[in-house]
Amino acid sequence: MDKYDYMILDIIQTYKQEQQSHIRLAVLERNFWKRIEADTDLSVGQARIGERITNLYLDGMLQNKNGYTLTKKGREQLAFAPWKQNQLA
């Protein structure tokens, strides 16, 4: 997993906390592109958001039941997000 995978998990979790509902794919994609639009390290071809979401789903990090939400495994993995560690330092 890289920082962009963690970013997807964070977008899903933040949306769940703020909206009290599961996030739809279109909203997830829009929020992802908004977050990375200023990131010059990532090209459109590298973003592959659909592939990233699919891999996170297959790895058991998220589930799709009328929208995406994190599984227990996904919430645990999000606790190790790179930016969360930097905030503590």
PDB file of N, CA and C in Angstrom:
ATOM      1  N   MET A   1       0.847  -1.191   0.000  1.00  0.00           N
ATOM      2  CA  MET A   1       0.000   0.000   0.000  1.00  0.00           C
ATOM      3  C   MET A   1       0.884   1.242   0.000  1.00  0.00           C
ATOM      4  N   ASP A   2       0.446   2.237  -0.758  1.00  0.00           N
ATOM      5  CA  ASP A   2       1.166   3.501  -0.756  1.00  0.00           C
ATOM      6  C   ASP A   2       0.253   4.596  -0.183  1.00  0.00           C
ATOM      7  N   LYS A   3       0.758   5.819  -0.209  1.00  0.00           N
ATOM      8  CA  LYS A   3      -0.008   6.900   0.428  1.00  0.00           C
ATOM      9  C   LYS A   3      -1.346   7.144  -0.252  1.00  0.00           C
ATOM     10  N   TYR A   4      -1.462   6.815  -1.537  1.00  0.00           N
ATOM     11  CA  TYR A   4      -2.722   7.040  -2.242  1.00  0.00           C
ATOM     12  C   TYR A   4      -3.776   6.007  -1.849  1.00  0.00           C
ATOM     13  N   ASP A   5      -3.345   4.796  -1.542  1.00  0.00           N
ATOM     14  CA  ASP A   5      -4.275   3.794  -1.023  1.00  0.00           C
ATOM     15  C   ASP A   5      -4.793   4.225   0.353  1.00  0.00           C
ATOM     16  N   TYR A   6      -3.869   4.712   1.182  1.00  0.00           N
ATOM     17  CA  TYR A   6      -4.276   5.223   2.485  1.00  0.00           C
ATOM     18  C   TYR A   6      -5.222   6.416   2.331  1.00  0.00           C
ATOM     19  N   MET A   7      -4.966   7.226   1.310  1.00  0.00           N
ATOM     20  CA  MET A   7      -5.822   8.385   1.068  1.00  0.00           C
ATOM     21  C   MET A   7      -7.254   7.942   0.758  1.00  0.00           C
ATOM     22  N   ILE A   8      -7.403   6.900  -0.032  1.00  0.00           N
ATOM     23  CA  ILE A   8      -8.733   6.380  -0.353  1.00  0.00           C
ATOM     24  C   ILE A   8      -9.419   5.892   0.917  1.00  0.00           C
ATOM     25  N   LEU A   9      -8.697   5.164   1.753  1.00  0.00           N
ATOM     26  CA  LEU A   9      -9.276   4.704   3.019  1.00  0.00           C
ATOM     27  C   LEU A   9      -9.697   5.892   3.877  1.00  0.00           C
ATOM     28  N   ASP A  10      -8.864   6.927   3.910  1.00  0.00           N
ATOM     29  CA  ASP A  10      -9.170   8.115   4.707  1.00  0.00           C
ATOM     30  C   ASP A  10     -10.399   8.843   4.168  1.00  0.00           C
ATOM     31  N   ILE A  11     -10.520   8.944   2.860  1.00  0.00           N
ATOM     32  CA  ILE A  11     -11.694   9.601   2.259  1.00  0.00           C
ATOM     33  C   ILE A  11     -12.965   8.859   2.649  1.00  0.00           C
ATOM     34  N   ILE A  12     -12.923   7.535   2.579  1.00  0.00           N
ATOM     35  CA  ILE A  12     -14.095   6.727   2.923  1.00  0.00           C
ATOM     36  C   ILE A  12     -14.457   6.902   4.395  1.00  0.00           C
ATOM     37  N   GLN A  13     -13.459   6.842   5.273  1.00  0.00           N
ATOM     38  CA  GLN A  13     -13.710   6.961   6.714  1.00  0.00           C
ATOM     39  C   GLN A  13     -14.206   8.351   7.083  1.00  0.00           C
ATOM     40  N   THR A  14     -13.596   9.377   6.515  1.00  0.00           N
ATOM     41  CA  THR A  14     -14.008  10.757   6.795  1.00  0.00           C
ATOM     42  C   THR A  14     -15.449  10.990   6.355  1.00  0.00           C
ATOM     43  N   TYR A  15     -15.786  10.511   5.179  1.00  0.00           N
ATOM     44  CA  TYR A  15     -17.152  10.661   4.668  1.00  0.00           C
ATOM     45  C   TYR A  15     -18.148   9.968   5.604  1.00  0.00           C
ATOM     46  N   LYS A  16     -17.808   8.771   6.046  1.00  0.00           N
ATOM     47  CA  LYS A  16     -18.688   8.008   6.945  1.00  0.00           C
ATOM     48  C   LYS A  16     -18.910   8.779   8.241  1.00  0.00           C
ATOM     49  N   GLN A  17     -17.862   9.376   8.789  1.00  0.00           N
ATOM     50  CA  GLN A  17     -17.976  10.124  10.033  1.00  0.00           C
ATOM     51  C   GLN A  17     -18.798  11.400   9.856  1.00  0.00           C
ATOM     52  N   GLU A  18     -18.600  12.077   8.737  1.00  0.00           N
ATOM     53  CA  GLU A  18     -19.285  13.353   8.517  1.00  0.00           C
ATOM     54  C   GLU A  18     -20.726  13.183   8.042  1.00  0.00           C
ATOM     55  N   GLN A  19     -20.980  12.213   7.176  1.00  0.00           N
ATOM     56  CA  GLN A  19     -22.294  12.060   6.558  1.00  0.00           C
ATOM     57  C   GLN A  19     -23.141  10.956   7.170  1.00  0.00           C
ATOM     58  N   GLN A  20     -22.538  10.112   8.001  1.00  0.00           N
ATOM     59  CA  GLN A  20     -23.237   8.984   8.611  1.00  0.00           C
ATOM     60  C   GLN A  20     -23.838   8.041   7.571  1.00  0.00           C
ATOM     61  N   SER A  21     -23.166   7.915   6.433  1.00  0.00           N
ATOM     62  CA  SER A  21     -23.618   6.997   5.391  1.00  0.00           C
ATOM     63  C   SER A  21     -22.427   6.534   4.574  1.00  0.00           C
ATOM     64  N   HIS A  22     -22.658   5.551   3.752  1.00  0.00           N
ATOM     65  CA  HIS A  22     -21.602   5.013   2.901  1.00  0.00           C
ATOM     66  C   HIS A  22     -21.393   5.934   1.708  1.00  0.00           C
ATOM     67  N   ILE A  23     -20.177   5.979   1.214  1.00  0.00           N
ATOM     68  CA  ILE A  23     -19.826   6.880   0.117  1.00  0.00           C
ATOM     69  C   ILE A  23     -20.047   6.188  -1.228  1.00  0.00           C
ATOM     70  N   ARG A  24     -20.622   6.898  -2.150  1.00  0.00           N
ATOM     71  CA  ARG A  24     -20.833   6.386  -3.505  1.00  0.00           C
ATOM     72  C   ARG A  24     -19.542   6.515  -4.310  1.00  0.00           C
ATOM     73  N   LEU A  25     -19.405   5.689  -5.322  1.00  0.00           N
ATOM     74  CA  LEU A  25     -18.189   5.665  -6.137  1.00  0.00           C
ATOM     75  C   LEU A  25     -17.892   7.029  -6.760  1.00  0.00           C
ATOM     76  N   ALA A  26     -18.888   7.682  -7.307  1.00  0.00           N
ATOM     77  CA  ALA A  26     -18.671   8.984  -7.956  1.00  0.00           C
ATOM     78  C   ALA A  26     -18.145  10.017  -6.961  1.00  0.00           C
ATOM     79  N   VAL A  27     -18.660  10.014  -5.755  1.00  0.00           N
ATOM     80  CA  VAL A  27     -18.215  10.959  -4.720  1.00  0.00           C
ATOM     81  C   VAL A  27     -16.791  10.615  -4.282  1.00  0.00           C
ATOM     82  N   LEU A  28     -16.518   9.327  -4.134  1.00  0.00           N
ATOM     83  CA  LEU A  28     -15.174   8.878  -3.763  1.00  0.00           C
ATOM     84  C   LEU A  28     -14.148   9.316  -4.807  1.00  0.00           C
ATOM     85  N   GLU A  29     -14.467   9.107  -6.076  1.00  0.00           N
ATOM     86  CA  GLU A  29     -13.557   9.507  -7.143  1.00  0.00           C
ATOM     87  C   GLU A  29     -13.347  11.018  -7.165  1.00  0.00           C
ATOM     88  N   ARG A  30     -14.416  11.768  -7.024  1.00  0.00           N
ATOM     89  CA  ARG A  30     -14.318  13.232  -7.035  1.00  0.00           C
ATOM     90  C   ARG A  30     -13.437  13.728  -5.887  1.00  0.00           C
ATOM     91  N   ASN A  31     -13.644  13.176  -4.680  1.00  0.00           N
ATOM     92  CA  ASN A  31     -12.849  13.597  -3.525  1.00  0.00           C
ATOM     93  C   ASN A  31     -11.381  13.215  -3.685  1.00  0.00           C
ATOM     94  N   PHE A  32     -11.122  12.045  -4.280  1.00  0.00           N
ATOM     95  CA  PHE A  32      -9.754  11.611  -4.523  1.00  0.00           C
ATOM     96  C   PHE A  32      -9.048  12.575  -5.477  1.00  0.00           C
ATOM     97  N   TRP A  33      -9.700  12.906  -6.590  1.00  0.00           N
ATOM     98  CA  TRP A  33      -9.076  13.801  -7.567  1.00  0.00           C
ATOM     99  C   TRP A  33      -8.867  15.192  -6.992  1.00  0.00           C
ATOM    100  N   LYS A  34      -9.772  15.662  -6.130  1.00  0.00           N
ATOM    101  CA  LYS A  34      -9.595  16.970  -5.493  1.00  0.00           C
ATOM    102  C   LYS A  34      -8.362  16.974  -4.602  1.00  0.00           C
ATOM    103  N   ARG A  35      -8.163  15.883  -3.865  1.00  0.00           N
ATOM    104  CA  ARG A  35      -7.012  15.812  -2.963  1.00  0.00           C
ATOM    105  C   ARG A  35      -5.684  15.740  -3.698  1.00  0.00           C
ATOM    106  N   ILE A  36      -5.668  15.087  -4.851  1.00  0.00           N
ATOM    107  CA  ILE A  36      -4.372  14.885  -5.528  1.00  0.00           C
ATOM    108  C   ILE A  36      -4.108  15.882  -6.652  1.00  0.00           C
ATOM    109  N   GLU A  37      -5.023  16.803  -6.923  1.00  0.00           N
ATOM    110  CA  GLU A  37      -4.835  17.684  -8.068  1.00  0.00           C
ATOM    111  C   GLU A  37      -3.574  18.533  -7.969  1.00  0.00           C
ATOM    112  N   ALA A  38      -3.114  18.822  -6.772  1.00  0.00           N
ATOM    113  CA  ALA A  38      -1.903  19.623  -6.615  1.00  0.00           C
ATOM    114  C   ALA A  38      -0.660  18.742  -6.464  1.00  0.00           C
ATOM    115  N   ASP A  39      -0.831  17.439  -6.481  1.00  0.00           N
ATOM    116  CA  ASP A  39       0.279  16.507  -6.294  1.00  0.00           C
ATOM    117  C   ASP A  39       0.988  16.281  -7.623  1.00  0.00           C
ATOM    118  N   THR A  40       2.168  16.828  -7.763  1.00  0.00           N
ATOM    119  CA  THR A  40       2.909  16.706  -9.015  1.00  0.00           C
ATOM    120  C   THR A  40       3.645  15.373  -9.134  1.00  0.00           C
ATOM    121  N   ASP A  41       3.701  14.596  -8.049  1.00  0.00           N
ATOM    122  CA  ASP A  41       4.386  13.302  -8.077  1.00  0.00           C
ATOM    123  C   ASP A  41       3.550  12.213  -8.731  1.00  0.00           C
ATOM    124  N   LEU A  42       2.279  12.462  -8.937  1.00  0.00           N
ATOM    125  CA  LEU A  42       1.372  11.426  -9.422  1.00  0.00           C
ATOM    126  C   LEU A  42       0.757  11.839 -10.748  1.00  0.00           C
ATOM    127  N   SER A  43       0.923  11.010 -11.745  1.00  0.00           N
ATOM    128  CA  SER A  43       0.297  11.289 -13.037  1.00  0.00           C
ATOM    129  C   SER A  43      -1.061  10.594 -13.088  1.00  0.00           C
ATOM    130  N   VAL A  44      -1.868  10.957 -14.062  1.00  0.00           N
ATOM    131  CA  VAL A  44      -3.194  10.364 -14.211  1.00  0.00           C
ATOM    132  C   VAL A  44      -3.087   8.852 -14.371  1.00  0.00           C
ATOM    133  N   GLY A  45      -2.111   8.411 -15.148  1.00  0.00           N
ATOM    134  CA  GLY A  45      -1.926   6.980 -15.354  1.00  0.00           C
ATOM    135  C   GLY A  45      -1.551   6.239 -14.093  1.00  0.00           C
ATOM    136  N   GLN A  46      -0.828   6.903 -13.207  1.00  0.00           N
ATOM    137  CA  GLN A  46      -0.431   6.264 -11.954  1.00  0.00           C
ATOM    138  C   GLN A  46      -1.569   6.224 -10.939  1.00  0.00           C
ATOM    139  N   ALA A  47      -2.516   7.126 -11.049  1.00  0.00           N
ATOM    140  CA  ALA A  47      -3.591   7.209 -10.066  1.00  0.00           C
ATOM    141  C   ALA A  47      -4.437   5.940 -10.070  1.00  0.00           C
ATOM    142  N   ARG A  48      -4.890   5.507 -11.259  1.00  0.00           N
ATOM    143  CA  ARG A  48      -5.648   4.268 -11.406  1.00  0.00           C
ATOM    144  C   ARG A  48      -6.598   4.034 -10.231  1.00  0.00           C
ATOM    145  N   ILE A  49      -7.470   4.971  -9.966  1.00  0.00           N
ATOM    146  CA  ILE A  49      -8.331   4.875  -8.792  1.00  0.00           C
ATOM    147  C   ILE A  49      -9.211   3.632  -8.823  1.00  0.00           C
ATOM    148  N   GLY A  50      -9.724   3.275  -9.979  1.00  0.00           N
ATOM    149  CA  GLY A  50     -10.558   2.079 -10.063  1.00  0.00           C
ATOM    150  C   GLY A  50      -9.795   0.826  -9.668  1.00  0.00           C
ATOM    151  N   GLU A  51      -8.575   0.725 -10.149  1.00  0.00           N
ATOM    152  CA  GLU A  51      -7.724  -0.422  -9.802  1.00  0.00           C
ATOM    153  C   GLU A  51      -7.384  -0.411  -8.312  1.00  0.00           C
ATOM    154  N   ARG A  52      -7.124   0.765  -7.771  1.00  0.00           N
ATOM    155  CA  ARG A  52      -6.806   0.877  -6.341  1.00  0.00           C
ATOM    156  C   ARG A  52      -8.001   0.440  -5.488  1.00  0.00           C
ATOM    157  N   ILE A  53      -9.186   0.903  -5.844  1.00  0.00           N
ATOM    158  CA  ILE A  53     -10.390   0.528  -5.091  1.00  0.00           C
ATOM    159  C   ILE A  53     -10.614  -0.978  -5.178  1.00  0.00           C
ATOM    160  N   THR A  54     -10.446  -1.538  -6.364  1.00  0.00           N
ATOM    161  CA  THR A  54     -10.613  -2.974  -6.553  1.00  0.00           C
ATOM    162  C   THR A  54      -9.630  -3.755  -5.688  1.00  0.00           C
ATOM    163  N   ASN A  55      -8.370  -3.342  -5.679  1.00  0.00           N
ATOM    164  CA  ASN A  55      -7.374  -4.042  -4.868  1.00  0.00           C
ATOM    165  C   ASN A  55      -7.668  -3.932  -3.377  1.00  0.00           C
ATOM    166  N   LEU A  56      -8.113  -2.766  -2.931  1.00  0.00           N
ATOM    167  CA  LEU A  56      -8.478  -2.604  -1.520  1.00  0.00           C
ATOM    168  C   LEU A  56      -9.662  -3.496  -1.162  1.00  0.00           C
ATOM    169  N   TYR A  57     -10.604  -3.619  -2.085  1.00  0.00           N
ATOM    170  CA  TYR A  57     -11.761  -4.484  -1.879  1.00  0.00           C
ATOM    171  C   TYR A  57     -11.317  -5.945  -1.794  1.00  0.00           C
ATOM    172  N   LEU A  58     -10.475  -6.368  -2.734  1.00  0.00           N
ATOM    173  CA  LEU A  58     -10.001  -7.752  -2.748  1.00  0.00           C
ATOM    174  C   LEU A  58      -9.129  -8.078  -1.545  1.00  0.00           C
ATOM    175  N   ASP A  59      -8.439  -7.073  -1.014  1.00  0.00           N
ATOM    176  CA  ASP A  59      -7.612  -7.267   0.184  1.00  0.00           C
ATOM    177  C   ASP A  59      -8.431  -7.229   1.471  1.00  0.00           C
ATOM    178  N   GLY A  60      -9.736  -6.992   1.352  1.00  0.00           N
ATOM    179  CA  GLY A  60     -10.599  -6.984   2.527  1.00  0.00           C
ATOM    180  C   GLY A  60     -10.553  -5.702   3.330  1.00  0.00           C
ATOM    181  N   MET A  61     -10.108  -4.612   2.706  1.00  0.00           N
ATOM    182  CA  MET A  61     -10.016  -3.330   3.410  1.00  0.00           C
ATOM    183  C   MET A  61     -11.326  -2.541   3.373  1.00  0.00           C
ATOM    184  N   LEU A  62     -12.132  -2.794   2.362  1.00  0.00           N
ATOM    185  CA  LEU A  62     -13.400  -2.090   2.260  1.00  0.00           C
ATOM    186  C   LEU A  62     -14.457  -3.031   1.694  1.00  0.00           C
ATOM    187  N   GLN A  63     -15.688  -2.615   1.875  1.00  0.00           N
ATOM    188  CA  GLN A  63     -16.812  -3.375   1.347  1.00  0.00           C
ATOM    189  C   GLN A  63     -17.768  -2.423   0.659  1.00  0.00           C
ATOM    190  N   ASN A  64     -18.598  -2.976  -0.206  1.00  0.00           N
ATOM    191  CA  ASN A  64     -19.541  -2.168  -0.959  1.00  0.00           C
ATOM    192  C   ASN A  64     -20.942  -2.700  -0.714  1.00  0.00           C
ATOM    193  N   LYS A  65     -21.677  -2.000   0.105  1.00  0.00           N
ATOM    194  CA  LYS A  65     -23.082  -2.310   0.368  1.00  0.00           C
ATOM    195  C   LYS A  65     -23.853  -1.009   0.247  1.00  0.00           C
ATOM    196  N   ASN A  66     -24.365  -0.750  -0.938  1.00  0.00           N
ATOM    197  CA  ASN A  66     -25.022   0.532  -1.229  1.00  0.00           C
ATOM    198  C   ASN A  66     -24.075   1.693  -0.969  1.00  0.00           C
ATOM    199  N   GLY A  67     -22.835   1.517  -1.322  1.00  0.00           N
ATOM    200  CA  GLY A  67     -21.791   2.507  -1.110  1.00  0.00           C
ATOM    201  C   GLY A  67     -20.626   1.869  -0.381  1.00  0.00           C
ATOM    202  N   TYR A  68     -19.486   2.522  -0.426  1.00  0.00           N
ATOM    203  CA  TYR A  68     -18.280   1.965   0.170  1.00  0.00           C
ATOM    204  C   TYR A  68     -18.142   2.344   1.633  1.00  0.00           C
ATOM    205  N   THR A  69     -17.644   1.401   2.411  1.00  0.00           N
ATOM    206  CA  THR A  69     -17.316   1.624   3.809  1.00  0.00           C
ATOM    207  C   THR A  69     -16.114   0.751   4.151  1.00  0.00           C
ATOM    208  N   LEU A  70     -15.394   1.108   5.200  1.00  0.00           N
ATOM    209  CA  LEU A  70     -14.227   0.334   5.595  1.00  0.00           C
ATOM    210  C   LEU A  70     -14.636  -0.887   6.406  1.00  0.00           C
ATOM    211  N   THR A  71     -13.884  -1.940   6.242  1.00  0.00           N
ATOM    212  CA  THR A  71     -14.044  -3.113   7.097  1.00  0.00           C
ATOM    213  C   THR A  71     -13.191  -2.884   8.344  1.00  0.00           C
ATOM    214  N   LYS A  72     -13.276  -3.808   9.276  1.00  0.00           N
ATOM    215  CA  LYS A  72     -12.444  -3.709  10.476  1.00  0.00           C
ATOM    216  C   LYS A  72     -10.969  -3.683  10.081  1.00  0.00           C
ATOM    217  N   LYS A  73     -10.600  -4.525   9.142  1.00  0.00           N
ATOM    218  CA  LYS A  73      -9.224  -4.578   8.656  1.00  0.00           C
ATOM    219  C   LYS A  73      -8.808  -3.241   8.038  1.00  0.00           C
ATOM    220  N   GLY A  74      -9.701  -2.615   7.298  1.00  0.00           N
ATOM    221  CA  GLY A  74      -9.419  -1.316   6.692  1.00  0.00           C
ATOM    222  C   GLY A  74      -9.231  -0.222   7.731  1.00  0.00           C
ATOM    223  N   ARG A  75     -10.062  -0.229   8.757  1.00  0.00           N
ATOM    224  CA  ARG A  75      -9.928   0.765   9.837  1.00  0.00           C
ATOM    225  C   ARG A  75      -8.616   0.572  10.587  1.00  0.00           C
ATOM    226  N   GLU A  76      -8.253  -0.680  10.821  1.00  0.00           N
ATOM    227  CA  GLU A  76      -6.984  -0.954  11.500  1.00  0.00           C
ATOM    228  C   GLU A  76      -5.807  -0.500  10.647  1.00  0.00           C
ATOM    229  N   GLN A  77      -5.860  -0.748   9.349  1.00  0.00           N
ATOM    230  CA  GLN A  77      -4.774  -0.354   8.450  1.00  0.00           C
ATOM    231  C   GLN A  77      -4.663   1.165   8.369  1.00  0.00           C
ATOM    232  N   LEU A  78      -5.783   1.858   8.410  1.00  0.00           N
ATOM    233  CA  LEU A  78      -5.782   3.318   8.327  1.00  0.00           C
ATOM    234  C   LEU A  78      -5.042   3.934   9.514  1.00  0.00           C
ATOM    235  N   ALA A  79      -5.039   3.252  10.631  1.00  0.00           N
ATOM    236  CA  ALA A  79      -4.328   3.758  11.809  1.00  0.00           C
ATOM    237  C   ALA A  79      -2.828   3.886  11.549  1.00  0.00           C
ATOM    238  N   PHE A  80      -2.316   3.174  10.530  1.00  0.00           N
ATOM    239  CA  PHE A  80      -0.896   3.217  10.205  1.00  0.00           C
ATOM    240  C   PHE A  80      -0.590   4.121   9.016  1.00  0.00           C
ATOM    241  N   ALA A  81      -1.527   4.978   8.659  1.00  0.00           N
ATOM    242  CA  ALA A  81      -1.334   5.876   7.512  1.00  0.00           C
ATOM    243  C   ALA A  81      -0.101   6.752   7.738  1.00  0.00           C
ATOM    244  N   PRO A  82       0.691   6.968   6.697  1.00  0.00           N
ATOM    245  CA  PRO A  82       1.945   7.724   6.840  1.00  0.00           C
ATOM    246  C   PRO A  82       1.756   9.118   7.435  1.00  0.00           C
ATOM    247  N   TRP A  83       0.714   9.828   7.052  1.00  0.00           N
ATOM    248  CA  TRP A  83       0.536  11.188   7.552  1.00  0.00           C
ATOM    249  C   TRP A  83       0.108  11.195   9.018  1.00  0.00           C
ATOM    250  N   LYS A  84      -0.539  10.142   9.503  1.00  0.00           N
ATOM    251  CA  LYS A  84      -0.927  10.074  10.899  1.00  0.00           C
ATOM    252  C   LYS A  84       0.328   9.974  11.779  1.00  0.00           C
ATOM    253  N   GLN A  85       1.332   9.225  11.345  1.00  0.00           N
ATOM    254  CA  GLN A  85       2.577   9.093  12.103  1.00  0.00           C
ATOM    255  C   GLN A  85       3.320  10.411  12.142  1.00  0.00           C
ATOM    256  N   ASN A  86       3.300  11.160  11.047  1.00  0.00           N
ATOM    257  CA  ASN A  86       3.996  12.446  10.992  1.00  0.00           C
ATOM    258  C   ASN A  86       3.354  13.477  11.905  1.00  0.00           C
ATOM    259  N   GLN A  87       2.050  13.379  12.115  1.00  0.00           N
ATOM    260  CA  GLN A  87       1.365  14.347  12.969  1.00  0.00           C
ATOM    261  C   GLN A  87       1.780  14.189  14.425  1.00  0.00           C
ATOM    262  N   LEU A  88       2.167  12.991  14.815  1.00  0.00           N
ATOM    263  CA  LEU A  88       2.540  12.737  16.205  1.00  0.00           C
ATOM    264  C   LEU A  88       3.945  13.241  16.520  1.00  0.00           C
ATOM    265  N   ALA A  89       4.759  13.396  15.524  1.00  0.00           N
ATOM    266  CA  ALA A  89       6.155  13.801  15.756  1.00  0.00           C
ATOM    267  C   ALA A  89       6.280  15.285  16.032  1.00  0.00           C
TER     268      ALA A  89
END
